[in-house]
Amino acid sequence: MTVALISDIHGNKPALDAVLDDAPEVDGFVNAGDTVGYNPYPRESIDAVRELGAATVQGNHDCAVAGGGSFGFHSTAGRAVEWTREELDDERIDWLGALPHERETVFGDTRVKVAHGAPDAPDRYTYPRDFSPTLLSGEEVLVLGHTHVQGKEEYDEGVVVNPGSVGQPRDGDPRAGYALLDEETGEVELRRVEYPVSRVQDEIRRAGLPESLAERLAEGR
């Protein structure tokens, strides 16, 4: 079995489309949260994730849009949250609000745990430099998001991986990030793919979202 690992789509449907076009045929999807926020395609991103049947957890932006948190109305993130909330209907907001903070799923004989920031700490930034076997608790693969920085570490106890951000990378590479898990071997492959950044930038500006959100996409920050 091959499983696609994605995270931090942040309402960037063209980037998600590029990932799906680049990926081989897979047997399942894991989504480590923040399906919405920042970018101008929240409805389309939610609908795509649901159609994929991805094992999805709630990110901090998902939580804020669903009414469970705030970044401050005048902050860039806060303005994007308010805009996103206005774009979504109650049913999609309820879906975001009902997502778990973490979950486990099984592909073949491989147990995969998914969390946004870290197990038992969904808002904690856990960069690849912070990865350690102590994060694992019996699962073969732990999938994290939140930092928008792609990385993986393999230990005797299992693999810890951040597949990178689909929709707003922050590791200096503007290409959409994702990963593939080979369930049989336990190997994780990190992948990047180009997408039409300028088209998303144009839509950010048309929507009246902060200009900084458009600029950062081209810089991968």
N, C-alpha and C. Protein backbone atom coordinates (compact mmCIF):
# COMPACT_ATOMS: atom_id res chain seq x y z
N MET A 1 0.83 -1.20 0.00
CA MET A 1 0.00 0.00 0.00
C MET A 1 0.87 1.25 0.00
N THR A 2 0.43 2.26 -0.72
CA THR A 2 1.09 3.56 -0.72
C THR A 2 0.11 4.59 -0.19
N VAL A 3 0.58 5.42 0.74
CA VAL A 3 -0.27 6.43 1.38
C VAL A 3 0.34 7.80 1.13
N ALA A 4 -0.48 8.75 0.70
CA ALA A 4 -0.04 10.12 0.51
C ALA A 4 -0.23 10.89 1.82
N LEU A 5 0.83 11.57 2.26
CA LEU A 5 0.81 12.36 3.48
C LEU A 5 0.80 13.83 3.10
N ILE A 6 -0.20 14.57 3.56
CA ILE A 6 -0.31 15.99 3.25
C ILE A 6 -0.58 16.77 4.52
N SER A 7 -0.36 18.06 4.47
CA SER A 7 -0.63 18.92 5.63
C SER A 7 -0.66 20.37 5.19
N ASP A 8 -1.27 21.20 6.00
CA ASP A 8 -1.22 22.66 5.83
C ASP A 8 -1.53 23.10 4.40
N ILE A 9 -2.68 22.64 3.91
CA ILE A 9 -3.17 23.07 2.61
C ILE A 9 -3.48 24.56 2.64
N HIS A 10 -4.05 25.01 3.73
CA HIS A 10 -4.34 26.43 3.95
C HIS A 10 -5.11 27.07 2.79
N GLY A 11 -6.13 26.37 2.35
CA GLY A 11 -7.00 26.96 1.35
C GLY A 11 -6.36 27.19 0.00
N ASN A 12 -5.31 26.47 -0.33
CA ASN A 12 -4.61 26.64 -1.60
C ASN A 12 -4.94 25.45 -2.50
N LYS A 13 -6.08 25.49 -3.12
CA LYS A 13 -6.55 24.37 -3.94
C LYS A 13 -5.66 24.13 -5.16
N PRO A 14 -5.17 25.16 -5.88
CA PRO A 14 -4.26 24.86 -6.99
C PRO A 14 -3.02 24.09 -6.56
N ALA A 15 -2.49 24.37 -5.38
CA ALA A 15 -1.34 23.61 -4.90
C ALA A 15 -1.73 22.17 -4.59
N LEU A 16 -2.91 21.98 -4.00
CA LEU A 16 -3.38 20.62 -3.74
C LEU A 16 -3.60 19.87 -5.04
N ASP A 17 -4.16 20.52 -6.05
CA ASP A 17 -4.36 19.88 -7.34
C ASP A 17 -3.02 19.41 -7.93
N ALA A 18 -1.99 20.25 -7.78
CA ALA A 18 -0.67 19.88 -8.31
C ALA A 18 -0.12 18.66 -7.59
N VAL A 19 -0.32 18.60 -6.28
CA VAL A 19 0.11 17.43 -5.51
C VAL A 19 -0.61 16.18 -5.98
N LEU A 20 -1.91 16.28 -6.14
CA LEU A 20 -2.68 15.11 -6.56
C LEU A 20 -2.31 14.67 -7.96
N ASP A 21 -1.98 15.62 -8.84
CA ASP A 21 -1.55 15.26 -10.19
C ASP A 21 -0.17 14.61 -10.19
N ASP A 22 0.69 15.02 -9.26
CA ASP A 22 2.05 14.52 -9.20
C ASP A 22 2.13 13.14 -8.56
N ALA A 23 1.25 12.89 -7.61
CA ALA A 23 1.32 11.65 -6.84
C ALA A 23 0.93 10.44 -7.69
N PRO A 24 1.54 9.29 -7.43
CA PRO A 24 1.10 8.07 -8.10
C PRO A 24 -0.25 7.63 -7.53
N GLU A 25 -0.77 6.57 -8.06
CA GLU A 25 -2.01 6.02 -7.49
C GLU A 25 -1.72 5.55 -6.06
N VAL A 26 -2.55 6.00 -5.12
CA VAL A 26 -2.32 5.68 -3.71
C VAL A 26 -3.54 4.97 -3.14
N ASP A 27 -3.32 4.37 -1.97
CA ASP A 27 -4.39 3.61 -1.31
C ASP A 27 -5.07 4.40 -0.20
N GLY A 28 -4.56 5.58 0.10
CA GLY A 28 -5.17 6.38 1.15
C GLY A 28 -4.44 7.70 1.32
N PHE A 29 -5.07 8.59 2.08
CA PHE A 29 -4.52 9.92 2.34
C PHE A 29 -4.56 10.22 3.83
N VAL A 30 -3.55 10.89 4.30
CA VAL A 30 -3.48 11.41 5.67
C VAL A 30 -3.28 12.92 5.57
N ASN A 31 -4.05 13.68 6.35
CA ASN A 31 -3.98 15.13 6.31
C ASN A 31 -3.77 15.66 7.73
N ALA A 32 -2.59 16.25 7.98
CA ALA A 32 -2.23 16.68 9.33
C ALA A 32 -2.70 18.09 9.70
N GLY A 33 -3.78 18.54 9.09
CA GLY A 33 -4.46 19.72 9.59
C GLY A 33 -4.16 21.02 8.89
N ASP A 34 -4.93 22.05 9.28
CA ASP A 34 -4.93 23.37 8.65
C ASP A 34 -5.28 23.25 7.17
N THR A 35 -6.45 22.69 6.95
CA THR A 35 -7.00 22.62 5.59
C THR A 35 -7.33 24.01 5.08
N VAL A 36 -7.67 24.93 5.98
CA VAL A 36 -8.05 26.29 5.58
C VAL A 36 -7.14 27.32 6.25
N GLY A 37 -7.36 28.58 5.89
CA GLY A 37 -6.58 29.68 6.44
C GLY A 37 -5.60 30.22 5.41
N TYR A 38 -5.43 31.54 5.39
CA TYR A 38 -4.47 32.24 4.56
C TYR A 38 -4.87 32.38 3.09
N ASN A 39 -5.21 31.29 2.43
CA ASN A 39 -5.39 31.32 0.98
C ASN A 39 -6.87 31.29 0.58
N PRO A 40 -7.18 31.61 -0.70
CA PRO A 40 -8.55 32.00 -1.07
C PRO A 40 -9.45 30.90 -1.59
N TYR A 41 -9.14 29.63 -1.31
CA TYR A 41 -9.99 28.55 -1.81
C TYR A 41 -10.41 27.62 -0.65
N PRO A 42 -11.02 28.14 0.39
CA PRO A 42 -11.34 27.28 1.53
C PRO A 42 -12.42 26.24 1.24
N ARG A 43 -13.47 26.64 0.54
CA ARG A 43 -14.54 25.68 0.23
C ARG A 43 -14.02 24.54 -0.62
N GLU A 44 -13.29 24.90 -1.66
CA GLU A 44 -12.78 23.89 -2.58
C GLU A 44 -11.79 22.95 -1.89
N SER A 45 -11.00 23.49 -0.98
CA SER A 45 -10.02 22.66 -0.28
C SER A 45 -10.70 21.67 0.67
N ILE A 46 -11.69 22.16 1.41
CA ILE A 46 -12.45 21.27 2.29
C ILE A 46 -13.11 20.16 1.49
N ASP A 47 -13.76 20.54 0.41
CA ASP A 47 -14.49 19.55 -0.39
C ASP A 47 -13.55 18.51 -0.97
N ALA A 48 -12.35 18.93 -1.40
CA ALA A 48 -11.39 17.99 -1.97
C ALA A 48 -10.90 17.00 -0.93
N VAL A 49 -10.58 17.50 0.27
CA VAL A 49 -10.11 16.62 1.34
C VAL A 49 -11.18 15.60 1.71
N ARG A 50 -12.41 16.05 1.78
CA ARG A 50 -13.50 15.14 2.12
C ARG A 50 -13.72 14.11 1.02
N GLU A 51 -13.60 14.54 -0.22
CA GLU A 51 -13.78 13.61 -1.34
C GLU A 51 -12.67 12.55 -1.35
N LEU A 52 -11.47 12.94 -0.95
CA LEU A 52 -10.36 11.99 -0.88
C LEU A 52 -10.54 10.98 0.24
N GLY A 53 -11.39 11.30 1.22
CA GLY A 53 -11.54 10.43 2.38
C GLY A 53 -10.30 10.45 3.26
N ALA A 54 -9.59 11.58 3.26
CA ALA A 54 -8.33 11.67 4.01
C ALA A 54 -8.58 11.58 5.51
N ALA A 55 -7.71 10.85 6.19
CA ALA A 55 -7.72 10.81 7.66
C ALA A 55 -7.17 12.14 8.14
N THR A 56 -8.06 13.02 8.60
CA THR A 56 -7.73 14.44 8.82
C THR A 56 -7.84 14.80 10.28
N VAL A 57 -6.91 15.65 10.74
CA VAL A 57 -7.01 16.21 12.08
C VAL A 57 -7.21 17.72 11.97
N GLN A 58 -7.56 18.32 13.10
CA GLN A 58 -7.83 19.76 13.15
C GLN A 58 -6.54 20.53 13.41
N GLY A 59 -6.28 21.53 12.58
CA GLY A 59 -5.19 22.45 12.83
C GLY A 59 -5.67 23.68 13.55
N ASN A 60 -4.75 24.54 13.96
CA ASN A 60 -5.13 25.72 14.72
C ASN A 60 -5.95 26.71 13.90
N HIS A 61 -5.70 26.79 12.60
CA HIS A 61 -6.52 27.66 11.76
C HIS A 61 -7.91 27.06 11.55
N ASP A 62 -7.99 25.75 11.39
CA ASP A 62 -9.30 25.09 11.30
C ASP A 62 -10.11 25.38 12.56
N CYS A 63 -9.45 25.28 13.71
CA CYS A 63 -10.11 25.52 14.99
C CYS A 63 -10.59 26.96 15.09
N ALA A 64 -9.74 27.91 14.68
CA ALA A 64 -10.11 29.32 14.78
C ALA A 64 -11.29 29.64 13.87
N VAL A 65 -11.27 29.11 12.66
CA VAL A 65 -12.38 29.36 11.74
C VAL A 65 -13.68 28.79 12.29
N ALA A 66 -13.59 27.65 12.96
CA ALA A 66 -14.78 27.02 13.54
C ALA A 66 -15.23 27.69 14.83
N GLY A 67 -14.51 28.72 15.25
CA GLY A 67 -14.93 29.47 16.43
C GLY A 67 -14.25 29.08 17.70
N GLY A 68 -13.22 28.25 17.61
CA GLY A 68 -12.57 27.76 18.82
C GLY A 68 -11.27 28.45 19.16
N GLY A 69 -10.96 29.56 18.50
CA GLY A 69 -9.71 30.25 18.80
C GLY A 69 -9.63 31.53 18.02
N SER A 70 -8.60 32.32 18.26
CA SER A 70 -8.46 33.61 17.59
C SER A 70 -6.99 33.96 17.48
N PHE A 71 -6.64 34.67 16.39
CA PHE A 71 -5.28 35.18 16.22
C PHE A 71 -5.23 36.69 16.41
N GLY A 72 -6.36 37.29 16.78
CA GLY A 72 -6.44 38.75 16.84
C GLY A 72 -6.90 39.28 15.50
N PHE A 73 -7.96 40.04 15.50
CA PHE A 73 -8.60 40.45 14.24
C PHE A 73 -7.66 41.24 13.35
N HIS A 74 -6.74 42.02 13.94
CA HIS A 74 -5.90 42.89 13.12
C HIS A 74 -4.61 42.20 12.66
N SER A 75 -4.36 40.98 13.09
CA SER A 75 -3.19 40.25 12.59
C SER A 75 -3.49 39.70 11.21
N THR A 76 -2.43 39.37 10.47
CA THR A 76 -2.62 38.79 9.14
C THR A 76 -3.41 37.49 9.22
N ALA A 77 -3.03 36.62 10.15
CA ALA A 77 -3.74 35.35 10.31
C ALA A 77 -5.18 35.59 10.73
N GLY A 78 -5.39 36.55 11.64
CA GLY A 78 -6.74 36.83 12.10
C GLY A 78 -7.64 37.35 11.00
N ARG A 79 -7.11 38.21 10.17
CA ARG A 79 -7.91 38.73 9.05
C ARG A 79 -8.27 37.62 8.08
N ALA A 80 -7.31 36.71 7.85
CA ALA A 80 -7.58 35.58 6.96
C ALA A 80 -8.62 34.64 7.56
N VAL A 81 -8.57 34.44 8.87
CA VAL A 81 -9.56 33.60 9.55
C VAL A 81 -10.96 34.19 9.39
N GLU A 82 -11.08 35.50 9.63
CA GLU A 82 -12.39 36.15 9.50
C GLU A 82 -12.91 36.05 8.07
N TRP A 83 -12.03 36.27 7.10
CA TRP A 83 -12.43 36.17 5.69
C TRP A 83 -12.89 34.75 5.37
N THR A 84 -12.12 33.76 5.83
CA THR A 84 -12.46 32.37 5.56
C THR A 84 -13.79 32.00 6.18
N ARG A 85 -14.02 32.43 7.41
CA ARG A 85 -15.29 32.12 8.07
C ARG A 85 -16.48 32.67 7.29
N GLU A 86 -16.33 33.85 6.72
CA GLU A 86 -17.41 34.45 5.94
C GLU A 86 -17.65 33.71 4.63
N GLU A 87 -16.62 33.03 4.13
CA GLU A 87 -16.74 32.31 2.87
C GLU A 87 -17.39 30.93 3.03
N LEU A 88 -17.42 30.40 4.24
CA LEU A 88 -17.89 29.04 4.45
C LEU A 88 -19.31 29.01 4.98
N ASP A 89 -20.04 27.96 4.59
CA ASP A 89 -21.37 27.76 5.15
C ASP A 89 -21.27 27.01 6.48
N ASP A 90 -22.39 26.91 7.16
CA ASP A 90 -22.40 26.29 8.49
C ASP A 90 -21.95 24.84 8.44
N GLU A 91 -22.34 24.13 7.39
CA GLU A 91 -22.01 22.71 7.32
C GLU A 91 -20.50 22.49 7.25
N ARG A 92 -19.81 23.30 6.44
CA ARG A 92 -18.35 23.15 6.33
C ARG A 92 -17.66 23.61 7.62
N ILE A 93 -18.18 24.65 8.25
CA ILE A 93 -17.61 25.10 9.52
C ILE A 93 -17.80 24.02 10.59
N ASP A 94 -18.96 23.40 10.61
CA ASP A 94 -19.19 22.32 11.57
C ASP A 94 -18.24 21.16 11.33
N TRP A 95 -17.95 20.86 10.08
CA TRP A 95 -17.00 19.78 9.76
C TRP A 95 -15.63 20.11 10.34
N LEU A 96 -15.16 21.35 10.14
CA LEU A 96 -13.88 21.75 10.71
C LEU A 96 -13.88 21.62 12.24
N GLY A 97 -14.97 22.06 12.85
CA GLY A 97 -15.05 22.05 14.30
C GLY A 97 -15.10 20.66 14.90
N ALA A 98 -15.56 19.68 14.13
CA ALA A 98 -15.70 18.32 14.64
C ALA A 98 -14.44 17.48 14.43
N LEU A 99 -13.45 18.01 13.75
CA LEU A 99 -12.23 17.24 13.52
C LEU A 99 -11.50 16.98 14.83
N PRO A 100 -10.90 15.80 14.99
CA PRO A 100 -10.14 15.51 16.22
C PRO A 100 -8.78 16.20 16.19
N HIS A 101 -8.20 16.41 17.38
CA HIS A 101 -6.86 16.99 17.46
C HIS A 101 -5.80 16.00 17.02
N GLU A 102 -6.03 14.73 17.22
CA GLU A 102 -5.13 13.70 16.73
C GLU A 102 -5.92 12.43 16.49
N ARG A 103 -5.36 11.53 15.71
CA ARG A 103 -6.07 10.28 15.41
C ARG A 103 -5.06 9.23 14.98
N GLU A 104 -5.48 7.98 15.10
CA GLU A 104 -4.69 6.87 14.60
C GLU A 104 -5.47 6.15 13.52
N THR A 105 -4.77 5.66 12.54
CA THR A 105 -5.38 4.87 11.49
C THR A 105 -4.40 3.78 11.09
N VAL A 106 -4.88 2.75 10.45
CA VAL A 106 -4.04 1.61 10.08
C VAL A 106 -4.12 1.40 8.58
N PHE A 107 -2.96 1.28 7.97
CA PHE A 107 -2.86 0.94 6.55
C PHE A 107 -2.10 -0.37 6.46
N GLY A 108 -2.78 -1.42 6.04
CA GLY A 108 -2.15 -2.74 6.06
C GLY A 108 -1.81 -3.13 7.48
N ASP A 109 -0.54 -3.32 7.76
CA ASP A 109 -0.09 -3.65 9.11
C ASP A 109 0.59 -2.45 9.79
N THR A 110 0.47 -1.27 9.20
CA THR A 110 1.20 -0.10 9.70
C THR A 110 0.27 0.85 10.43
N ARG A 111 0.59 1.11 11.67
CA ARG A 111 -0.16 2.08 12.45
C ARG A 111 0.41 3.47 12.21
N VAL A 112 -0.48 4.39 11.88
CA VAL A 112 -0.09 5.77 11.60
C VAL A 112 -0.84 6.68 12.56
N LYS A 113 -0.09 7.50 13.30
CA LYS A 113 -0.71 8.52 14.14
C LYS A 113 -0.55 9.86 13.45
N VAL A 114 -1.60 10.68 13.55
CA VAL A 114 -1.59 12.00 12.91
C VAL A 114 -1.90 13.05 13.97
N ALA A 115 -1.09 14.09 14.03
CA ALA A 115 -1.34 15.23 14.91
C ALA A 115 -0.90 16.48 14.16
N HIS A 116 -1.38 17.63 14.60
CA HIS A 116 -1.00 18.86 13.89
C HIS A 116 0.34 19.38 14.38
N GLY A 117 0.44 19.71 15.66
CA GLY A 117 1.70 20.23 16.20
C GLY A 117 2.56 19.15 16.80
N ALA A 118 1.98 18.39 17.73
CA ALA A 118 2.67 17.28 18.38
C ALA A 118 1.61 16.47 19.12
N PRO A 119 1.87 15.20 19.41
CA PRO A 119 0.91 14.43 20.19
C PRO A 119 0.65 15.11 21.53
N ASP A 120 -0.62 15.25 21.85
CA ASP A 120 -1.06 15.87 23.10
C ASP A 120 -0.73 17.36 23.19
N ALA A 121 -0.22 17.97 22.13
CA ALA A 121 0.10 19.40 22.12
C ALA A 121 -0.12 19.94 20.72
N PRO A 122 -1.38 20.09 20.29
CA PRO A 122 -1.68 20.39 18.90
C PRO A 122 -1.14 21.73 18.41
N ASP A 123 -0.86 22.68 19.32
CA ASP A 123 -0.38 23.99 18.90
C ASP A 123 1.14 24.14 19.03
N ARG A 124 1.84 23.10 19.42
CA ARG A 124 3.28 23.21 19.63
C ARG A 124 4.02 23.02 18.31
N TYR A 125 4.88 23.98 18.00
CA TYR A 125 5.71 23.86 16.81
C TYR A 125 6.79 22.80 17.04
N THR A 126 6.79 21.79 16.20
CA THR A 126 7.75 20.70 16.32
C THR A 126 8.51 20.60 15.00
N TYR A 127 9.63 21.31 14.94
CA TYR A 127 10.43 21.35 13.72
C TYR A 127 11.21 20.04 13.57
N PRO A 128 11.71 19.76 12.36
CA PRO A 128 12.50 18.53 12.19
C PRO A 128 13.65 18.41 13.18
N ARG A 129 14.24 19.54 13.59
CA ARG A 129 15.32 19.48 14.58
C ARG A 129 14.83 19.00 15.94
N ASP A 130 13.50 19.08 16.16
CA ASP A 130 12.91 18.66 17.43
C ASP A 130 12.44 17.21 17.40
N PHE A 131 12.53 16.56 16.25
CA PHE A 131 12.06 15.18 16.15
C PHE A 131 12.91 14.29 17.05
N SER A 132 12.25 13.31 17.66
CA SER A 132 12.96 12.33 18.48
C SER A 132 12.07 11.10 18.63
N PRO A 133 12.66 9.96 18.99
CA PRO A 133 11.84 8.75 19.17
C PRO A 133 10.86 8.87 20.34
N THR A 134 11.09 9.85 21.23
CA THR A 134 10.17 10.01 22.36
C THR A 134 8.80 10.51 21.92
N LEU A 135 8.71 11.03 20.70
CA LEU A 135 7.41 11.46 20.18
C LEU A 135 6.52 10.27 19.82
N LEU A 136 7.14 9.13 19.58
CA LEU A 136 6.42 7.94 19.17
C LEU A 136 5.87 7.20 20.38
N SER A 137 4.70 6.61 20.21
CA SER A 137 4.08 5.87 21.32
C SER A 137 3.48 4.56 20.83
N GLY A 138 4.26 3.84 20.04
CA GLY A 138 3.82 2.53 19.58
C GLY A 138 3.45 2.47 18.11
N GLU A 139 3.14 3.63 17.51
CA GLU A 139 2.83 3.65 16.09
C GLU A 139 4.12 3.55 15.28
N GLU A 140 3.99 3.03 14.06
CA GLU A 140 5.16 2.93 13.18
C GLU A 140 5.51 4.26 12.52
N VAL A 141 4.49 5.09 12.29
CA VAL A 141 4.69 6.38 11.62
C VAL A 141 3.90 7.45 12.35
N LEU A 142 4.57 8.56 12.65
CA LEU A 142 3.92 9.73 13.24
C LEU A 142 3.99 10.86 12.22
N VAL A 143 2.83 11.41 11.85
CA VAL A 143 2.75 12.49 10.86
C VAL A 143 2.37 13.78 11.58
N LEU A 144 3.22 14.80 11.43
CA LEU A 144 2.99 16.10 12.04
C LEU A 144 2.93 17.19 10.97
N GLY A 145 2.34 18.32 11.32
CA GLY A 145 2.30 19.48 10.44
C GLY A 145 2.73 20.73 11.19
N HIS A 146 2.00 21.83 10.94
CA HIS A 146 2.06 23.07 11.71
C HIS A 146 3.26 23.96 11.39
N THR A 147 4.46 23.42 11.25
CA THR A 147 5.64 24.26 11.02
C THR A 147 5.80 24.68 9.57
N HIS A 148 5.17 23.97 8.65
CA HIS A 148 5.32 24.21 7.21
C HIS A 148 6.75 23.92 6.74
N VAL A 149 7.49 23.13 7.51
CA VAL A 149 8.87 22.77 7.18
C VAL A 149 8.94 21.25 7.00
N GLN A 150 9.34 20.85 5.81
CA GLN A 150 9.37 19.43 5.46
C GLN A 150 10.57 18.74 6.10
N GLY A 151 10.36 17.53 6.58
CA GLY A 151 11.47 16.76 7.13
C GLY A 151 11.02 15.40 7.64
N LYS A 152 11.96 14.51 7.83
CA LYS A 152 11.66 13.19 8.39
C LYS A 152 12.89 12.67 9.12
N GLU A 153 12.63 11.82 10.10
CA GLU A 153 13.69 11.11 10.81
C GLU A 153 13.23 9.68 11.04
N GLU A 154 14.13 8.74 10.81
CA GLU A 154 13.84 7.32 11.01
C GLU A 154 14.56 6.82 12.26
N TYR A 155 13.83 6.13 13.10
CA TYR A 155 14.39 5.58 14.34
C TYR A 155 14.06 4.09 14.40
N ASP A 156 14.68 3.40 15.33
CA ASP A 156 14.33 2.00 15.54
C ASP A 156 12.85 1.86 15.90
N GLU A 157 12.34 2.86 16.61
CA GLU A 157 10.95 2.81 17.07
C GLU A 157 9.94 3.16 15.98
N GLY A 158 10.38 3.84 14.91
CA GLY A 158 9.46 4.25 13.85
C GLY A 158 9.94 5.51 13.16
N VAL A 159 9.06 6.11 12.37
CA VAL A 159 9.39 7.27 11.56
C VAL A 159 8.55 8.46 12.04
N VAL A 160 9.20 9.62 12.17
CA VAL A 160 8.51 10.89 12.42
C VAL A 160 8.68 11.73 11.16
N VAL A 161 7.58 12.25 10.63
CA VAL A 161 7.63 12.98 9.37
C VAL A 161 6.71 14.18 9.39
N ASN A 162 7.19 15.26 8.84
CA ASN A 162 6.35 16.39 8.45
C ASN A 162 6.40 16.44 6.93
N PRO A 163 5.28 16.19 6.26
CA PRO A 163 5.30 16.14 4.80
C PRO A 163 5.52 17.49 4.15
N GLY A 164 5.58 18.56 4.97
CA GLY A 164 5.68 19.90 4.41
C GLY A 164 4.32 20.48 4.15
N SER A 165 4.28 21.75 3.86
CA SER A 165 3.00 22.41 3.60
C SER A 165 2.65 22.32 2.12
N VAL A 166 1.43 21.88 1.86
CA VAL A 166 0.92 21.93 0.48
C VAL A 166 0.78 23.37 0.03
N GLY A 167 0.17 24.21 0.87
CA GLY A 167 -0.29 25.51 0.40
C GLY A 167 0.47 26.72 0.83
N GLN A 168 1.44 26.59 1.77
CA GLN A 168 2.24 27.76 2.18
C GLN A 168 3.56 27.30 2.78
N PRO A 169 4.48 26.75 1.97
CA PRO A 169 5.76 26.30 2.49
C PRO A 169 6.54 27.43 3.15
N ARG A 170 7.30 27.08 4.19
CA ARG A 170 8.11 28.07 4.91
C ARG A 170 9.55 27.61 5.08
N ASP A 171 10.01 26.78 4.18
CA ASP A 171 11.39 26.28 4.29
C ASP A 171 12.26 26.78 3.14
N GLY A 172 11.84 27.88 2.52
CA GLY A 172 12.62 28.47 1.45
C GLY A 172 12.37 27.90 0.08
N ASP A 173 11.51 26.90 -0.01
CA ASP A 173 11.17 26.27 -1.28
C ASP A 173 9.69 26.52 -1.53
N PRO A 174 9.33 27.33 -2.53
CA PRO A 174 7.91 27.66 -2.73
C PRO A 174 7.07 26.54 -3.31
N ARG A 175 7.68 25.45 -3.71
CA ARG A 175 6.90 24.35 -4.29
C ARG A 175 6.08 23.64 -3.21
N ALA A 176 4.93 23.13 -3.61
CA ALA A 176 4.06 22.40 -2.68
C ALA A 176 4.77 21.16 -2.18
N GLY A 177 4.64 20.91 -0.86
CA GLY A 177 5.28 19.76 -0.26
C GLY A 177 4.29 18.67 0.12
N TYR A 178 4.71 17.43 -0.02
CA TYR A 178 3.94 16.29 0.45
C TYR A 178 4.89 15.11 0.59
N ALA A 179 4.37 13.96 1.00
CA ALA A 179 5.22 12.79 1.17
C ALA A 179 4.43 11.54 0.81
N LEU A 180 5.15 10.48 0.54
CA LEU A 180 4.56 9.18 0.24
C LEU A 180 5.10 8.14 1.22
N LEU A 181 4.20 7.37 1.79
CA LEU A 181 4.55 6.28 2.69
C LEU A 181 4.35 4.95 1.98
N ASP A 182 5.41 4.16 1.89
CA ASP A 182 5.31 2.79 1.40
C ASP A 182 5.01 1.92 2.61
N GLU A 183 3.80 1.47 2.73
CA GLU A 183 3.37 0.73 3.93
C GLU A 183 4.14 -0.57 4.11
N GLU A 184 4.48 -1.20 3.01
CA GLU A 184 5.15 -2.50 3.11
C GLU A 184 6.56 -2.37 3.67
N THR A 185 7.31 -1.34 3.21
CA THR A 185 8.70 -1.18 3.64
C THR A 185 8.84 -0.20 4.80
N GLY A 186 7.83 0.63 5.01
CA GLY A 186 7.91 1.66 6.03
C GLY A 186 8.69 2.88 5.61
N GLU A 187 9.11 2.93 4.35
CA GLU A 187 9.90 4.07 3.87
C GLU A 187 8.99 5.26 3.55
N VAL A 188 9.49 6.45 3.83
CA VAL A 188 8.78 7.69 3.53
C VAL A 188 9.62 8.50 2.55
N GLU A 189 9.00 8.92 1.45
CA GLU A 189 9.66 9.73 0.44
C GLU A 189 9.08 11.15 0.49
N LEU A 190 9.95 12.14 0.68
CA LEU A 190 9.54 13.54 0.66
C LEU A 190 9.54 14.04 -0.78
N ARG A 191 8.49 14.78 -1.15
CA ARG A 191 8.37 15.22 -2.54
C ARG A 191 7.97 16.69 -2.59
N ARG A 192 8.34 17.37 -3.70
CA ARG A 192 7.95 18.75 -3.96
C ARG A 192 7.45 18.84 -5.39
N VAL A 193 6.51 19.77 -5.62
CA VAL A 193 5.94 19.93 -6.95
C VAL A 193 5.57 21.40 -7.16
N GLU A 194 5.85 21.90 -8.35
CA GLU A 194 5.49 23.27 -8.68
C GLU A 194 3.98 23.39 -8.92
N TYR A 195 3.47 24.58 -8.66
CA TYR A 195 2.06 24.87 -8.93
C TYR A 195 1.96 26.33 -9.37
N PRO A 196 0.82 26.77 -9.91
CA PRO A 196 0.71 28.14 -10.44
C PRO A 196 0.61 29.19 -9.33
N VAL A 197 1.75 29.55 -8.76
CA VAL A 197 1.77 30.50 -7.65
C VAL A 197 1.14 31.83 -8.04
N SER A 198 1.45 32.32 -9.24
CA SER A 198 0.94 33.64 -9.64
C SER A 198 -0.59 33.66 -9.70
N ARG A 199 -1.20 32.55 -10.08
CA ARG A 199 -2.67 32.50 -10.12
C ARG A 199 -3.25 32.62 -8.72
N VAL A 200 -2.63 31.97 -7.76
CA VAL A 200 -3.11 32.08 -6.38
C VAL A 200 -2.86 33.49 -5.85
N GLN A 201 -1.73 34.07 -6.17
CA GLN A 201 -1.45 35.44 -5.75
C GLN A 201 -2.52 36.41 -6.29
N ASP A 202 -2.88 36.25 -7.56
CA ASP A 202 -3.90 37.11 -8.15
C ASP A 202 -5.23 36.97 -7.41
N GLU A 203 -5.57 35.73 -7.03
CA GLU A 203 -6.84 35.50 -6.35
C GLU A 203 -6.80 36.04 -4.92
N ILE A 204 -5.65 35.96 -4.26
CA ILE A 204 -5.50 36.56 -2.93
C ILE A 204 -5.79 38.05 -3.00
N ARG A 205 -5.22 38.71 -4.00
CA ARG A 205 -5.43 40.16 -4.15
C ARG A 205 -6.87 40.47 -4.52
N ARG A 206 -7.46 39.68 -5.40
CA ARG A 206 -8.85 39.92 -5.78
C ARG A 206 -9.77 39.78 -4.58
N ALA A 207 -9.45 38.84 -3.68
CA ALA A 207 -10.29 38.60 -2.51
C ALA A 207 -10.10 39.67 -1.43
N GLY A 208 -9.07 40.50 -1.56
CA GLY A 208 -8.81 41.52 -0.56
C GLY A 208 -8.09 41.02 0.67
N LEU A 209 -7.45 39.87 0.56
CA LEU A 209 -6.64 39.34 1.66
C LEU A 209 -5.31 40.11 1.73
N PRO A 210 -4.61 40.06 2.85
CA PRO A 210 -3.37 40.84 3.00
C PRO A 210 -2.35 40.53 1.91
N GLU A 211 -1.70 41.57 1.40
CA GLU A 211 -0.71 41.44 0.34
C GLU A 211 0.45 40.54 0.75
N SER A 212 0.79 40.54 2.03
CA SER A 212 1.91 39.71 2.49
C SER A 212 1.67 38.23 2.23
N LEU A 213 0.39 37.82 2.21
CA LEU A 213 0.08 36.42 1.95
C LEU A 213 0.40 36.05 0.51
N ALA A 214 0.23 36.99 -0.41
CA ALA A 214 0.60 36.75 -1.80
C ALA A 214 2.11 36.72 -1.97
N GLU A 215 2.78 37.66 -1.33
CA GLU A 215 4.23 37.76 -1.51
C GLU A 215 4.97 36.54 -0.98
N ARG A 216 4.52 36.03 0.17
CA ARG A 216 5.27 34.95 0.79
C ARG A 216 5.21 33.65 -0.01
N LEU A 217 4.15 33.47 -0.80
CA LEU A 217 4.04 32.24 -1.58
C LEU A 217 5.20 32.07 -2.55
N ALA A 218 5.62 33.17 -3.14
CA ALA A 218 6.72 33.10 -4.12
C ALA A 218 8.07 32.91 -3.46
N GLU A 219 8.14 33.18 -2.17
CA GLU A 219 9.41 33.11 -1.44
C GLU A 219 9.54 31.84 -0.59
N GLY A 220 8.46 31.11 -0.44
CA GLY A 220 8.50 29.91 0.39
C GLY A 220 8.83 30.22 1.83
N ARG A 221 8.15 31.24 2.38
CA ARG A 221 8.45 31.62 3.76
C ARG A 221 7.15 31.90 4.53
